Amino acid sequence: MSNVLREEKKQQVIALGRLGWPLRRIERETGVRRETAAGYLRAAGVTVSQPGRWGPQSAKPAIEVASDSEAAAKPAIEVTPDSGAPPASPPEPIPSRSVSASVCEPHRDLIEHALSMAS
């Protein structure tokens, strides 16, 4: 006689599979081997992701495309203005210094004098 899971454990595995749990997590939490869990999930019609792929693999496309007749039936998203205040003026640009200018440039004479005294 082959090993068969108790109905309670089988339903637990199927419920976790329907929640999208990966086989490794189902195995860790229930003690049912991944291969066994995968068999029960397939028999119950639950999609099992293939090894080496991330996330559940579904037959549905990620983005549904509406036909022209469906698009006409749905209203466009309304854009409402904010408080009605005039738009704020853009912030004043921050003056930038040139890439070649040194921060020490204003103190050049003092630095050169101090270096000449040290030599």
PDB file of N, CA and C in Angstrom:
ATOM      1  N   MET A   1       0.844  -1.179   0.000  1.00  0.00           N
ATOM      2  CA  MET A   1       0.000   0.000   0.000  1.00  0.00           C
ATOM      3  C   MET A   1       0.887   1.238   0.000  1.00  0.00           C
ATOM      4  N   SER A   2       0.552   2.222  -0.832  1.00  0.00           N
ATOM      5  CA  SER A   2       1.367   3.431  -0.913  1.00  0.00           C
ATOM      6  C   SER A   2       1.011   4.382   0.226  1.00  0.00           C
ATOM      7  N   ASN A   3       1.942   5.273   0.508  1.00  0.00           N
ATOM      8  CA  ASN A   3       1.702   6.264   1.552  1.00  0.00           C
ATOM      9  C   ASN A   3       0.743   7.318   1.019  1.00  0.00           C
ATOM     10  N   VAL A   4      -0.256   7.637   1.785  1.00  0.00           N
ATOM     11  CA  VAL A   4      -1.251   8.639   1.412  1.00  0.00           C
ATOM     12  C   VAL A   4      -1.412   9.572   2.604  1.00  0.00           C
ATOM     13  N   LEU A   5      -1.488  10.865   2.314  1.00  0.00           N
ATOM     14  CA  LEU A   5      -1.668  11.838   3.382  1.00  0.00           C
ATOM     15  C   LEU A   5      -3.073  11.742   3.966  1.00  0.00           C
ATOM     16  N   ARG A   6      -3.183  12.034   5.241  1.00  0.00           N
ATOM     17  CA  ARG A   6      -4.501  12.151   5.854  1.00  0.00           C
ATOM     18  C   ARG A   6      -5.226  13.303   5.172  1.00  0.00           C
ATOM     19  N   GLU A   7      -6.531  13.245   5.122  1.00  0.00           N
ATOM     20  CA  GLU A   7      -7.328  14.262   4.442  1.00  0.00           C
ATOM     21  C   GLU A   7      -7.070  15.655   5.016  1.00  0.00           C
ATOM     22  N   GLU A   8      -6.895  15.738   6.326  1.00  0.00           N
ATOM     23  CA  GLU A   8      -6.636  17.030   6.975  1.00  0.00           C
ATOM     24  C   GLU A   8      -5.327  17.645   6.472  1.00  0.00           C
ATOM     25  N   LYS A   9      -4.273  16.834   6.391  1.00  0.00           N
ATOM     26  CA  LYS A   9      -2.965  17.315   5.937  1.00  0.00           C
ATOM     27  C   LYS A   9      -3.028  17.675   4.454  1.00  0.00           C
ATOM     28  N   LYS A  10      -3.743  16.865   3.679  1.00  0.00           N
ATOM     29  CA  LYS A  10      -3.897  17.126   2.245  1.00  0.00           C
ATOM     30  C   LYS A  10      -4.592  18.478   2.037  1.00  0.00           C
ATOM     31  N   GLN A  11      -5.663  18.754   2.779  1.00  0.00           N
ATOM     32  CA  GLN A  11      -6.386  20.013   2.645  1.00  0.00           C
ATOM     33  C   GLN A  11      -5.522  21.196   3.082  1.00  0.00           C
ATOM     34  N   GLN A  12      -4.670  20.968   4.089  1.00  0.00           N
ATOM     35  CA  GLN A  12      -3.764  22.016   4.550  1.00  0.00           C
ATOM     36  C   GLN A  12      -2.780  22.382   3.432  1.00  0.00           C
ATOM     37  N   VAL A  13      -2.206  21.367   2.797  1.00  0.00           N
ATOM     38  CA  VAL A  13      -1.251  21.595   1.702  1.00  0.00           C
ATOM     39  C   VAL A  13      -1.930  22.340   0.552  1.00  0.00           C
ATOM     40  N   ILE A  14      -3.134  21.923   0.204  1.00  0.00           N
ATOM     41  CA  ILE A  14      -3.858  22.559  -0.904  1.00  0.00           C
ATOM     42  C   ILE A  14      -4.196  24.008  -0.558  1.00  0.00           C
ATOM     43  N   ALA A  15      -4.620  24.247   0.685  1.00  0.00           N
ATOM     44  CA  ALA A  15      -4.960  25.622   1.097  1.00  0.00           C
ATOM     45  C   ALA A  15      -3.734  26.521   1.035  1.00  0.00           C
ATOM     46  N   LEU A  16      -2.588  26.035   1.504  1.00  0.00           N
ATOM     47  CA  LEU A  16      -1.366  26.839   1.470  1.00  0.00           C
ATOM     48  C   LEU A  16      -0.921  27.085   0.034  1.00  0.00           C
ATOM     49  N   GLY A  17      -1.092  26.086  -0.830  1.00  0.00           N
ATOM     50  CA  GLY A  17      -0.768  26.252  -2.249  1.00  0.00           C
ATOM     51  C   GLY A  17      -1.646  27.293  -2.903  1.00  0.00           C
ATOM     52  N   ARG A  18      -2.925  27.313  -2.544  1.00  0.00           N
ATOM     53  CA  ARG A  18      -3.838  28.313  -3.105  1.00  0.00           C
ATOM     54  C   ARG A  18      -3.494  29.714  -2.618  1.00  0.00           C
ATOM     55  N   LEU A  19      -2.880  29.805  -1.444  1.00  0.00           N
ATOM     56  CA  LEU A  19      -2.446  31.109  -0.943  1.00  0.00           C
ATOM     57  C   LEU A  19      -1.175  31.589  -1.638  1.00  0.00           C
ATOM     58  N   GLY A  20      -0.584  30.726  -2.470  1.00  0.00           N
ATOM     59  CA  GLY A  20       0.607  31.119  -3.218  1.00  0.00           C
ATOM     60  C   GLY A  20       1.913  30.786  -2.511  1.00  0.00           C
ATOM     61  N   TRP A  21       1.848  29.989  -1.458  1.00  0.00           N
ATOM     62  CA  TRP A  21       3.071  29.626  -0.753  1.00  0.00           C
ATOM     63  C   TRP A  21       3.955  28.784  -1.659  1.00  0.00           C
ATOM     64  N   PRO A  22       5.271  28.985  -1.621  1.00  0.00           N
ATOM     65  CA  PRO A  22       6.175  28.134  -2.390  1.00  0.00           C
ATOM     66  C   PRO A  22       6.265  26.742  -1.752  1.00  0.00           C
ATOM     67  N   LEU A  23       6.625  25.769  -2.571  1.00  0.00           N
ATOM     68  CA  LEU A  23       6.701  24.384  -2.092  1.00  0.00           C
ATOM     69  C   LEU A  23       7.667  24.218  -0.931  1.00  0.00           C
ATOM     70  N   ARG A  24       8.778  24.925  -0.954  1.00  0.00           N
ATOM     71  CA  ARG A  24       9.739  24.801   0.152  1.00  0.00           C
ATOM     72  C   ARG A  24       9.127  25.257   1.475  1.00  0.00           C
ATOM     73  N   ARG A  25       8.336  26.314   1.436  1.00  0.00           N
ATOM     74  CA  ARG A  25       7.716  26.804   2.671  1.00  0.00           C
ATOM     75  C   ARG A  25       6.636  25.830   3.142  1.00  0.00           C
ATOM     76  N   ILE A  26       5.862  25.288   2.194  1.00  0.00           N
ATOM     77  CA  ILE A  26       4.852  24.289   2.551  1.00  0.00           C
ATOM     78  C   ILE A  26       5.527  23.089   3.207  1.00  0.00           C
ATOM     79  N   GLU A  27       6.647  22.667   2.629  1.00  0.00           N
ATOM     80  CA  GLU A  27       7.384  21.534   3.206  1.00  0.00           C
ATOM     81  C   GLU A  27       7.862  21.862   4.616  1.00  0.00           C
ATOM     82  N   ARG A  28       8.407  23.047   4.801  1.00  0.00           N
ATOM     83  CA  ARG A  28       8.941  23.440   6.107  1.00  0.00           C
ATOM     84  C   ARG A  28       7.832  23.512   7.160  1.00  0.00           C
ATOM     85  N   GLU A  29       6.677  24.055   6.797  1.00  0.00           N
ATOM     86  CA  GLU A  29       5.598  24.268   7.761  1.00  0.00           C
ATOM     87  C   GLU A  29       4.771  23.018   8.039  1.00  0.00           C
ATOM     88  N   THR A  30       4.618  22.147   7.030  1.00  0.00           N
ATOM     89  CA  THR A  30       3.737  20.986   7.201  1.00  0.00           C
ATOM     90  C   THR A  30       4.486  19.679   7.387  1.00  0.00           C
ATOM     91  N   GLY A  31       5.749  19.638   6.960  1.00  0.00           N
ATOM     92  CA  GLY A  31       6.500  18.389   7.026  1.00  0.00           C
ATOM     93  C   GLY A  31       6.237  17.477   5.841  1.00  0.00           C
ATOM     94  N   VAL A  32       5.453  17.936   4.863  1.00  0.00           N
ATOM     95  CA  VAL A  32       5.154  17.153   3.662  1.00  0.00           C
ATOM     96  C   VAL A  32       6.200  17.490   2.610  1.00  0.00           C
ATOM     97  N   ARG A  33       6.812  16.473   2.039  1.00  0.00           N
ATOM     98  CA  ARG A  33       7.854  16.716   1.034  1.00  0.00           C
ATOM     99  C   ARG A  33       7.334  17.540  -0.133  1.00  0.00           C
ATOM    100  N   ARG A  34       8.222  18.338  -0.728  1.00  0.00           N
ATOM    101  CA  ARG A  34       7.840  19.206  -1.847  1.00  0.00           C
ATOM    102  C   ARG A  34       7.235  18.413  -2.997  1.00  0.00           C
ATOM    103  N   GLU A  35       7.846  17.291  -3.313  1.00  0.00           N
ATOM    104  CA  GLU A  35       7.370  16.481  -4.431  1.00  0.00           C
ATOM    105  C   GLU A  35       5.950  15.979  -4.176  1.00  0.00           C
ATOM    106  N   THR A  36       5.681  15.560  -2.950  1.00  0.00           N
ATOM    107  CA  THR A  36       4.346  15.078  -2.585  1.00  0.00           C
ATOM    108  C   THR A  36       3.348  16.224  -2.634  1.00  0.00           C
ATOM    109  N   ALA A  37       3.721  17.362  -2.058  1.00  0.00           N
ATOM    110  CA  ALA A  37       2.833  18.532  -2.053  1.00  0.00           C
ATOM    111  C   ALA A  37       2.532  18.967  -3.480  1.00  0.00           C
ATOM    112  N   ALA A  38       3.546  18.947  -4.347  1.00  0.00           N
ATOM    113  CA  ALA A  38       3.346  19.360  -5.739  1.00  0.00           C
ATOM    114  C   ALA A  38       2.342  18.444  -6.427  1.00  0.00           C
ATOM    115  N   GLY A  39       2.408  17.160  -6.155  1.00  0.00           N
ATOM    116  CA  GLY A  39       1.463  16.213  -6.746  1.00  0.00           C
ATOM    117  C   GLY A  39       0.032  16.489  -6.309  1.00  0.00           C
ATOM    118  N   TYR A  40      -0.163  16.716  -5.011  1.00  0.00           N
ATOM    119  CA  TYR A  40      -1.503  17.020  -4.511  1.00  0.00           C
ATOM    120  C   TYR A  40      -2.013  18.352  -5.069  1.00  0.00           C
ATOM    121  N   LEU A  41      -1.121  19.344  -5.194  1.00  0.00           N
ATOM    122  CA  LEU A  41      -1.529  20.642  -5.728  1.00  0.00           C
ATOM    123  C   LEU A  41      -1.932  20.527  -7.193  1.00  0.00           C
ATOM    124  N   ARG A  42      -1.148  19.785  -7.978  1.00  0.00           N
ATOM    125  CA  ARG A  42      -1.501  19.608  -9.389  1.00  0.00           C
ATOM    126  C   ARG A  42      -2.838  18.897  -9.526  1.00  0.00           C
ATOM    127  N   ALA A  43      -3.063  17.875  -8.694  1.00  0.00           N
ATOM    128  CA  ALA A  43      -4.322  17.123  -8.748  1.00  0.00           C
ATOM    129  C   ALA A  43      -5.511  18.016  -8.383  1.00  0.00           C
ATOM    130  N   ALA A  44      -5.273  19.023  -7.529  1.00  0.00           N
ATOM    131  CA  ALA A  44      -6.344  19.930  -7.128  1.00  0.00           C
ATOM    132  C   ALA A  44      -6.494  21.103  -8.095  1.00  0.00           C
ATOM    133  N   GLY A  45      -5.642  21.158  -9.125  1.00  0.00           N
ATOM    134  CA  GLY A  45      -5.725  22.233 -10.111  1.00  0.00           C
ATOM    135  C   GLY A  45      -5.042  23.513  -9.684  1.00  0.00           C
ATOM    136  N   VAL A  46      -4.170  23.433  -8.688  1.00  0.00           N
ATOM    137  CA  VAL A  46      -3.432  24.601  -8.216  1.00  0.00           C
ATOM    138  C   VAL A  46      -2.134  24.680  -9.002  1.00  0.00           C
ATOM    139  N   THR A  47      -1.842  25.858  -9.563  1.00  0.00           N
ATOM    140  CA  THR A  47      -0.631  26.042 -10.348  1.00  0.00           C
ATOM    141  C   THR A  47       0.592  25.959  -9.451  1.00  0.00           C
ATOM    142  N   VAL A  48       1.541  25.136  -9.864  1.00  0.00           N
ATOM    143  CA  VAL A  48       2.792  24.973  -9.123  1.00  0.00           C
ATOM    144  C   VAL A  48       3.896  25.558  -9.973  1.00  0.00           C
ATOM    145  N   SER A  49       4.685  26.478  -9.401  1.00  0.00           N
ATOM    146  CA  SER A  49       5.763  27.087 -10.173  1.00  0.00           C
ATOM    147  C   SER A  49       6.866  26.074 -10.412  1.00  0.00           C
ATOM    148  N   GLN A  50       7.497  26.206 -11.556  1.00  0.00           N
ATOM    149  CA  GLN A  50       8.583  25.311 -11.915  1.00  0.00           C
ATOM    150  C   GLN A  50       9.841  25.682 -11.148  1.00  0.00           C
ATOM    151  N   PRO A  51      10.707  24.720 -10.851  1.00  0.00           N
ATOM    152  CA  PRO A  51      11.966  25.046 -10.160  1.00  0.00           C
ATOM    153  C   PRO A  51      12.766  26.059 -10.964  1.00  0.00           C
ATOM    154  N   GLY A  52      13.376  27.020 -10.266  1.00  0.00           N
ATOM    155  CA  GLY A  52      14.201  28.022 -10.923  1.00  0.00           C
ATOM    156  C   GLY A  52      13.415  29.242 -11.361  1.00  0.00           C
ATOM    157  N   ARG A  53      12.107  29.251 -11.152  1.00  0.00           N
ATOM    158  CA  ARG A  53      11.295  30.416 -11.508  1.00  0.00           C
ATOM    159  C   ARG A  53      10.768  31.039 -10.232  1.00  0.00           C
ATOM    160  N   TRP A  54      10.674  32.351 -10.239  1.00  0.00           N
ATOM    161  CA  TRP A  54      10.195  33.084  -9.072  1.00  0.00           C
ATOM    162  C   TRP A  54       8.721  33.351  -9.209  1.00  0.00           C
ATOM    163  N   GLY A  55       8.003  33.251  -8.114  1.00  0.00           N
ATOM    164  CA  GLY A  55       6.602  33.627  -8.053  1.00  0.00           C
ATOM    165  C   GLY A  55       5.697  32.640  -8.729  1.00  0.00           C
ATOM    166  N   PRO A  56       4.405  32.784  -8.504  1.00  0.00           N
ATOM    167  CA  PRO A  56       3.448  31.867  -9.114  1.00  0.00           C
ATOM    168  C   PRO A  56       3.383  32.092 -10.617  1.00  0.00           C
ATOM    169  N   GLN A  57       3.230  31.029 -11.357  1.00  0.00           N
ATOM    170  CA  GLN A  57       3.122  31.101 -12.805  1.00  0.00           C
ATOM    171  C   GLN A  57       1.658  30.968 -13.157  1.00  0.00           C
ATOM    172  N   SER A  58       1.059  32.017 -13.701  1.00  0.00           N
ATOM    173  CA  SER A  58      -0.355  31.973 -14.029  1.00  0.00           C
ATOM    174  C   SER A  58      -0.541  31.994 -15.536  1.00  0.00           C
ATOM    175  N   ALA A  59      -1.680  31.487 -15.956  1.00  0.00           N
ATOM    176  CA  ALA A  59      -1.987  31.471 -17.377  1.00  0.00           C
ATOM    177  C   ALA A  59      -2.520  32.825 -17.833  1.00  0.00           C
ATOM    178  N   LYS A  60      -3.004  33.658 -16.893  1.00  0.00           N
ATOM    179  CA  LYS A  60      -3.528  34.971 -17.238  1.00  0.00           C
ATOM    180  C   LYS A  60      -2.394  35.946 -17.506  1.00  0.00           C
ATOM    181  N   PRO A  61      -2.573  36.859 -18.461  1.00  0.00           N
ATOM    182  CA  PRO A  61      -1.556  37.896 -18.649  1.00  0.00           C
ATOM    183  C   PRO A  61      -1.570  38.858 -17.468  1.00  0.00           C
ATOM    184  N   ALA A  62      -0.450  39.483 -17.209  1.00  0.00           N
ATOM    185  CA  ALA A  62      -0.355  40.410 -16.088  1.00  0.00           C
ATOM    186  C   ALA A  62      -1.199  41.657 -16.327  1.00  0.00           C
ATOM    187  N   ILE A  63      -1.319  42.073 -17.579  1.00  0.00           N
ATOM    188  CA  ILE A  63      -2.077  43.278 -17.910  1.00  0.00           C
ATOM    189  C   ILE A  63      -3.199  42.871 -18.852  1.00  0.00           C
ATOM    190  N   GLU A  64      -4.408  43.249 -18.500  1.00  0.00           N
ATOM    191  CA  GLU A  64      -5.529  42.951 -19.371  1.00  0.00           C
ATOM    192  C   GLU A  64      -5.744  44.127 -20.317  1.00  0.00           C
ATOM    193  N   VAL A  65      -5.988  43.824 -21.577  1.00  0.00           N
ATOM    194  CA  VAL A  65      -6.190  44.855 -22.581  1.00  0.00           C
ATOM    195  C   VAL A  65      -7.680  44.937 -22.882  1.00  0.00           C
ATOM    196  N   ALA A  66      -8.227  46.133 -22.804  1.00  0.00           N
ATOM    197  CA  ALA A  66      -9.648  46.331 -23.067  1.00  0.00           C
ATOM    198  C   ALA A  66      -9.850  46.647 -24.541  1.00  0.00           C
ATOM    199  N   SER A  67     -10.933  46.124 -25.108  1.00  0.00           N
ATOM    200  CA  SER A  67     -11.255  46.456 -26.491  1.00  0.00           C
ATOM    201  C   SER A  67     -11.828  47.872 -26.532  1.00  0.00           C
ATOM    202  N   ASP A  68     -12.008  48.420 -27.734  1.00  0.00           N
ATOM    203  CA  ASP A  68     -12.516  49.782 -27.871  1.00  0.00           C
ATOM    204  C   ASP A  68     -13.909  49.925 -27.260  1.00  0.00           C
ATOM    205  N   SER A  69     -14.762  48.915 -27.424  1.00  0.00           N
ATOM    206  CA  SER A  69     -16.123  49.020 -26.883  1.00  0.00           C
ATOM    207  C   SER A  69     -16.097  49.014 -25.359  1.00  0.00           C
ATOM    208  N   GLU A  70     -15.197  48.227 -24.756  1.00  0.00           N
ATOM    209  CA  GLU A  70     -15.072  48.211 -23.297  1.00  0.00           C
ATOM    210  C   GLU A  70     -14.516  49.534 -22.794  1.00  0.00           C
ATOM    211  N   ALA A  71     -13.565  50.100 -23.529  1.00  0.00           N
ATOM    212  CA  ALA A  71     -12.953  51.356 -23.112  1.00  0.00           C
ATOM    213  C   ALA A  71     -13.970  52.493 -23.167  1.00  0.00           C
ATOM    214  N   ALA A  72     -14.866  52.459 -24.148  1.00  0.00           N
ATOM    215  CA  ALA A  72     -15.861  53.514 -24.268  1.00  0.00           C
ATOM    216  C   ALA A  72     -16.866  53.448 -23.126  1.00  0.00           C
ATOM    217  N   ALA A  73     -17.115  52.263 -22.607  1.00  0.00           N
ATOM    218  CA  ALA A  73     -18.089  52.094 -21.533  1.00  0.00           C
ATOM    219  C   ALA A  73     -17.564  52.598 -20.191  1.00  0.00           C
ATOM    220  N   LYS A  74     -16.263  52.627 -20.013  1.00  0.00           N
ATOM    221  CA  LYS A  74     -15.672  53.058 -18.750  1.00  0.00           C
ATOM    222  C   LYS A  74     -15.321  54.544 -18.835  1.00  0.00           C
ATOM    223  N   PRO A  75     -15.699  55.334 -17.827  1.00  0.00           N
ATOM    224  CA  PRO A  75     -15.332  56.751 -17.859  1.00  0.00           C
ATOM    225  C   PRO A  75     -13.843  56.925 -17.598  1.00  0.00           C
ATOM    226  N   ALA A  76     -13.318  57.994 -18.139  1.00  0.00           N
ATOM    227  CA  ALA A  76     -11.912  58.305 -17.902  1.00  0.00           C
ATOM    228  C   ALA A  76     -11.741  58.754 -16.461  1.00  0.00           C
ATOM    229  N   ILE A  77     -10.550  58.634 -15.952  1.00  0.00           N
ATOM    230  CA  ILE A  77     -10.264  59.082 -14.598  1.00  0.00           C
ATOM    231  C   ILE A  77     -10.291  60.601 -14.586  1.00  0.00           C
ATOM    232  N   GLU A  78     -11.066  61.161 -13.644  1.00  0.00           N
ATOM    233  CA  GLU A  78     -11.163  62.612 -13.569  1.00  0.00           C
ATOM    234  C   GLU A  78      -9.954  63.192 -12.860  1.00  0.00           C
ATOM    235  N   VAL A  79      -9.526  64.339 -13.347  1.00  0.00           N
ATOM    236  CA  VAL A  79      -8.441  65.064 -12.706  1.00  0.00           C
ATOM    237  C   VAL A  79      -9.056  66.305 -12.084  1.00  0.00           C
ATOM    238  N   THR A  80      -8.931  66.415 -10.785  1.00  0.00           N
ATOM    239  CA  THR A  80      -9.497  67.568 -10.110  1.00  0.00           C
ATOM    240  C   THR A  80      -8.378  68.513  -9.705  1.00  0.00           C
ATOM    241  N   PRO A  81      -8.605  69.811  -9.861  1.00  0.00           N
ATOM    242  CA  PRO A  81      -7.565  70.750  -9.465  1.00  0.00           C
ATOM    243  C   PRO A  81      -7.413  70.741  -7.948  1.00  0.00           C
ATOM    244  N   ASP A  82      -6.285  71.189  -7.486  1.00  0.00           N
ATOM    245  CA  ASP A  82      -6.066  71.237  -6.042  1.00  0.00           C
ATOM    246  C   ASP A  82      -6.912  72.353  -5.436  1.00  0.00           C
ATOM    247  N   SER A  83      -6.433  73.102  -4.547  1.00  0.00           N
ATOM    248  CA  SER A  83      -7.213  74.087  -3.802  1.00  0.00           C
ATOM    249  C   SER A  83      -7.684  75.270  -4.640  1.00  0.00           C
ATOM    250  N   GLY A  84      -7.267  75.382  -5.863  1.00  0.00           N
ATOM    251  CA  GLY A  84      -7.658  76.501  -6.706  1.00  0.00           C
ATOM    252  C   GLY A  84      -6.677  77.655  -6.638  1.00  0.00           C
ATOM    253  N   ALA A  85      -5.664  77.547  -5.801  1.00  0.00           N
ATOM    254  CA  ALA A  85      -4.650  78.599  -5.691  1.00  0.00           C
ATOM    255  C   ALA A  85      -3.798  78.584  -6.955  1.00  0.00           C
ATOM    256  N   PRO A  86      -3.265  79.740  -7.346  1.00  0.00           N
ATOM    257  CA  PRO A  86      -2.403  79.752  -8.531  1.00  0.00           C
ATOM    258  C   PRO A  86      -1.160  78.900  -8.278  1.00  0.00           C
ATOM    259  N   PRO A  87      -0.622  78.312  -9.319  1.00  0.00           N
ATOM    260  CA  PRO A  87       0.555  77.474  -9.118  1.00  0.00           C
ATOM    261  C   PRO A  87       1.719  78.292  -8.554  1.00  0.00           C
ATOM    262  N   ALA A  88       2.462  77.663  -7.691  1.00  0.00           N
ATOM    263  CA  ALA A  88       3.615  78.339  -7.072  1.00  0.00           C
ATOM    264  C   ALA A  88       4.691  78.570  -8.121  1.00  0.00           C
ATOM    265  N   SER A  89       5.414  79.659  -7.968  1.00  0.00           N
ATOM    266  CA  SER A  89       6.503  79.926  -8.907  1.00  0.00           C
ATOM    267  C   SER A  89       7.636  78.949  -8.623  1.00  0.00           C
ATOM    268  N   PRO A  90       8.390  78.593  -9.656  1.00  0.00           N
ATOM    269  CA  PRO A  90       9.481  77.638  -9.437  1.00  0.00           C
ATOM    270  C   PRO A  90      10.531  78.246  -8.506  1.00  0.00           C
ATOM    271  N   PRO A  91      11.210  77.423  -7.759  1.00  0.00           N
ATOM    272  CA  PRO A  91      12.231  77.948  -6.842  1.00  0.00           C
ATOM    273  C   PRO A  91      13.374  78.596  -7.618  1.00  0.00           C
ATOM    274  N   GLU A  92      13.993  79.552  -6.966  1.00  0.00           N
ATOM    275  CA  GLU A  92      15.134  80.231  -7.581  1.00  0.00           C
ATOM    276  C   GLU A  92      16.274  79.232  -7.753  1.00  0.00           C
ATOM    277  N   PRO A  93      16.956  79.264  -8.896  1.00  0.00           N
ATOM    278  CA  PRO A  93      18.075  78.336  -9.078  1.00  0.00           C
ATOM    279  C   PRO A  93      19.217  78.675  -8.119  1.00  0.00           C
ATOM    280  N   ILE A  94      19.848  77.654  -7.639  1.00  0.00           N
ATOM    281  CA  ILE A  94      20.991  77.839  -6.750  1.00  0.00           C
ATOM    282  C   ILE A  94      22.218  78.103  -7.612  1.00  0.00           C
ATOM    283  N   PRO A  95      22.909  79.215  -7.357  1.00  0.00           N
ATOM    284  CA  PRO A  95      24.090  79.479  -8.176  1.00  0.00           C
ATOM    285  C   PRO A  95      25.121  78.388  -7.947  1.00  0.00           C
ATOM    286  N   SER A  96      25.674  77.925  -9.035  1.00  0.00           N
ATOM    287  CA  SER A  96      26.672  76.869  -8.900  1.00  0.00           C
ATOM    288  C   SER A  96      28.056  77.455  -9.155  1.00  0.00           C
ATOM    289  N   ARG A  97      29.011  76.881  -8.502  1.00  0.00           N
ATOM    290  CA  ARG A  97      30.380  77.357  -8.723  1.00  0.00           C
ATOM    291  C   ARG A  97      30.989  76.522  -9.833  1.00  0.00           C
ATOM    292  N   SER A  98      31.970  77.052 -10.490  1.00  0.00           N
ATOM    293  CA  SER A  98      32.569  76.313 -11.586  1.00  0.00           C
ATOM    294  C   SER A  98      33.341  75.117 -11.026  1.00  0.00           C
ATOM    295  N   VAL A  99      33.481  74.124 -11.838  1.00  0.00           N
ATOM    296  CA  VAL A  99      34.128  72.898 -11.412  1.00  0.00           C
ATOM    297  C   VAL A  99      35.605  73.136 -11.105  1.00  0.00           C
ATOM    298  N   SER A 100      36.243  74.037 -11.828  1.00  0.00           N
ATOM    299  CA  SER A 100      37.676  74.246 -11.630  1.00  0.00           C
ATOM    300  C   SER A 100      37.992  75.201 -10.473  1.00  0.00           C
ATOM    301  N   ALA A 101      37.016  75.960  -9.989  1.00  0.00           N
ATOM    302  CA  ALA A 101      37.281  76.909  -8.908  1.00  0.00           C
ATOM    303  C   ALA A 101      37.456  76.157  -7.594  1.00  0.00           C
ATOM    304  N   SER A 102      38.412  76.585  -6.806  1.00  0.00           N
ATOM    305  CA  SER A 102      38.676  75.966  -5.518  1.00  0.00           C
ATOM    306  C   SER A 102      37.970  76.738  -4.419  1.00  0.00           C
ATOM    307  N   VAL A 103      37.561  76.027  -3.388  1.00  0.00           N
ATOM    308  CA  VAL A 103      36.936  76.664  -2.241  1.00  0.00           C
ATOM    309  C   VAL A 103      37.976  77.527  -1.519  1.00  0.00           C
ATOM    310  N   CYS A 104      39.232  77.193  -1.669  1.00  0.00           N
ATOM    311  CA  CYS A 104      40.316  77.925  -1.005  1.00  0.00           C
ATOM    312  C   CYS A 104      40.744  79.181  -1.763  1.00  0.00           C
ATOM    313  N   GLU A 105      40.202  79.379  -2.949  1.00  0.00           N
ATOM    314  CA  GLU A 105      40.633  80.491  -3.790  1.00  0.00           C
ATOM    315  C   GLU A 105      40.588  81.850  -3.084  1.00  0.00           C
ATOM    316  N   PRO A 106      39.555  82.172  -2.320  1.00  0.00           N
ATOM    317  CA  PRO A 106      39.546  83.479  -1.664  1.00  0.00           C
ATOM    318  C   PRO A 106      40.695  83.653  -0.652  1.00  0.00           C
ATOM    319  N   HIS A 107      41.268  82.534  -0.190  1.00  0.00           N
ATOM    320  CA  HIS A 107      42.339  82.593   0.811  1.00  0.00           C
ATOM    321  C   HIS A 107      43.718  82.303   0.212  1.00  0.00           C
ATOM    322  N   ARG A 108      43.816  82.421  -1.102  1.00  0.00           N
ATOM    323  CA  ARG A 108      45.055  82.073  -1.796  1.00  0.00           C
ATOM    324  C   ARG A 108      46.265  82.836  -1.261  1.00  0.00           C
ATOM    325  N   ASP A 109      46.138  84.140  -1.097  1.00  0.00           N
ATOM    326  CA  ASP A 109      47.284  84.944  -0.637  1.00  0.00           C
ATOM    327  C   ASP A 109      47.749  84.501   0.744  1.00  0.00           C
ATOM    328  N   LEU A 110      46.812  84.274   1.660  1.00  0.00           N
ATOM    329  CA  LEU A 110      47.157  83.863   3.010  1.00  0.00           C
ATOM    330  C   LEU A 110      47.852  82.499   3.017  1.00  0.00           C
ATOM    331  N   ILE A 111      47.346  81.581   2.209  1.00  0.00           N
ATOM    332  CA  ILE A 111      47.931  80.237   2.138  1.00  0.00           C
ATOM    333  C   ILE A 111      49.344  80.298   1.567  1.00  0.00           C
ATOM    334  N   GLU A 112      49.509  81.054   0.477  1.00  0.00           N
ATOM    335  CA  GLU A 112      50.836  81.169  -0.121  1.00  0.00           C
ATOM    336  C   GLU A 112      51.817  81.815   0.860  1.00  0.00           C
ATOM    337  N   HIS A 113      51.377  82.811   1.573  1.00  0.00           N
ATOM    338  CA  HIS A 113      52.241  83.475   2.560  1.00  0.00           C
ATOM    339  C   HIS A 113      52.653  82.476   3.663  1.00  0.00           C
ATOM    340  N   ALA A 114      51.663  81.692   4.149  1.00  0.00           N
ATOM    341  CA  ALA A 114      51.971  80.720   5.209  1.00  0.00           C
ATOM    342  C   ALA A 114      52.926  79.648   4.703  1.00  0.00           C
ATOM    343  N   LEU A 115      52.781  79.239   3.462  1.00  0.00           N
ATOM    344  CA  LEU A 115      53.687  78.221   2.902  1.00  0.00           C
ATOM    345  C   LEU A 115      55.093  78.776   2.717  1.00  0.00           C
ATOM    346  N   SER A 116      55.190  80.038   2.315  1.00  0.00           N
ATOM    347  CA  SER A 116      56.521  80.639   2.134  1.00  0.00           C
ATOM    348  C   SER A 116      57.231  80.783   3.489  1.00  0.00           C
ATOM    349  N   MET A 117      56.479  81.016   4.567  1.00  0.00           N
ATOM    350  CA  MET A 117      57.074  81.136   5.891  1.00  0.00           C
ATOM    351  C   MET A 117      57.564  79.775   6.406  1.00  0.00           C
ATOM    352  N   ALA A 118      56.881  78.695   6.010  1.00  0.00           N
ATOM    353  CA  ALA A 118      57.230  77.360   6.490  1.00  0.00           C
ATOM    354  C   ALA A 118      58.468  76.838   5.768  1.00  0.00           C
ATOM    355  N   SER A 119      58.800  77.328   4.608  1.00  0.00           N
ATOM    356  CA  SER A 119      59.949  76.776   3.889  1.00  0.00           C
ATOM    357  C   SER A 119      61.244  77.350   4.322  1.00  0.00           C
TER     358      SER A 119
END
